[in-house]
Protein backbone atom coordinates (compact mmCIF):
# COMPACT_ATOMS: atom_id res chain seq x y z
CA UNK A 1 0.38 30.31 -42.44
CA UNK A 2 -1.33 27.01 -41.75
CA UNK A 3 -5.14 26.70 -41.88
CA UNK A 4 -6.97 23.62 -40.63
CA UNK A 5 -10.62 22.78 -40.00
CA UNK A 6 -11.50 20.36 -37.22
CA UNK A 7 -14.36 17.85 -37.26
CA UNK A 8 -16.68 20.38 -35.56
CA UNK A 9 -16.12 22.95 -38.30
CA UNK A 10 -13.85 25.23 -36.26
CA UNK A 11 -10.99 26.82 -38.14
CA UNK A 12 -7.47 26.86 -36.69
CA UNK A 13 -5.08 29.37 -38.24
CA UNK A 14 -1.39 29.30 -37.31
CA UNK A 15 1.01 32.11 -38.17
CA UNK A 16 4.74 32.49 -37.80
CA UNK A 17 5.48 35.50 -35.56
CA UNK A 18 6.74 37.93 -38.18
CA UNK A 19 4.00 37.33 -40.82
CA UNK A 20 1.33 37.38 -38.09
CA UNK A 21 2.57 40.69 -36.76
CA UNK A 22 2.81 42.12 -40.28
CA UNK A 23 -0.81 41.10 -40.94
CA UNK A 24 -1.94 42.69 -37.67
CA UNK A 25 -0.14 45.93 -38.56
CA UNK A 26 -1.69 45.97 -42.04
CA UNK A 27 -5.17 45.49 -40.56
CA UNK A 28 -4.67 48.31 -38.06
CA UNK A 29 -3.13 50.71 -40.62
CA UNK A 30 -5.94 50.11 -43.10
CA UNK A 31 -8.76 50.18 -40.56
CA UNK A 32 -11.99 51.57 -41.94
CA UNK A 33 -15.37 52.18 -40.36
CA UNK A 34 -16.94 49.26 -42.18
CA UNK A 35 -14.20 46.75 -41.27
CA UNK A 36 -15.68 43.63 -39.63
CA UNK A 37 -15.12 43.39 -35.89
CA UNK A 38 -13.81 39.82 -36.34
CA UNK A 39 -10.93 41.19 -38.41
CA UNK A 40 -10.10 43.77 -35.74
CA UNK A 41 -10.26 41.02 -33.10
CA UNK A 42 -7.82 38.97 -35.20
CA UNK A 43 -5.41 41.91 -35.27
CA UNK A 44 -5.73 42.27 -31.50
CA UNK A 45 -5.07 38.56 -30.93
CA UNK A 46 -2.06 38.60 -33.26
CA UNK A 47 -0.59 41.61 -31.42
CA UNK A 48 -1.17 39.89 -28.07
CA UNK A 49 0.48 36.67 -29.30
CA UNK A 50 3.47 38.62 -30.59
CA UNK A 51 3.85 40.43 -27.27
CA UNK A 52 3.58 37.22 -25.25
CA UNK A 53 6.10 35.46 -27.48
CA UNK A 54 8.67 38.17 -26.75
CA UNK A 55 7.85 38.63 -23.04
CA UNK A 56 10.76 37.10 -21.16
CA UNK A 57 9.68 37.99 -17.61
CA UNK A 58 9.17 35.01 -15.32
CA UNK A 59 8.19 35.43 -11.68
CA UNK A 60 10.81 33.77 -9.47
CA UNK A 61 9.41 30.88 -7.44
CA UNK A 62 8.38 31.89 -3.92
CA UNK A 63 9.25 35.53 -4.59
CA UNK A 64 6.94 36.83 -1.88
CA UNK A 65 7.57 34.26 0.86
CA UNK A 66 8.04 35.72 4.36
CA UNK A 67 11.67 36.11 5.36
CA UNK A 68 12.99 36.51 1.82
CA UNK A 69 14.29 39.87 0.60
CA UNK A 70 11.58 41.72 -1.31
CA UNK A 71 11.97 44.44 -3.92
CA UNK A 72 11.41 47.93 -2.55
CA UNK A 73 7.96 49.36 -3.13
CA UNK A 74 9.25 52.93 -3.21
CA UNK A 75 12.53 54.69 -3.75
CA UNK A 76 12.55 55.86 -0.10
CA UNK A 77 12.82 52.30 1.35
């Protein structure tokens, strides 16, 4: 984990994927009614970052251009 503060006082926290995901899981598993919303937001952001890091889908360029074959919208097509 790397923590930095910029000249405006904002804090930047960087996590490696695995430790960030482990922290998010620990926050969610130990969630209590009095847990600060900022901590829950951090867990949500860490989960989102982990998902995006592992999401390999990339839309092909010009996938929906007229005249190109398109994926079927139903199994009947």
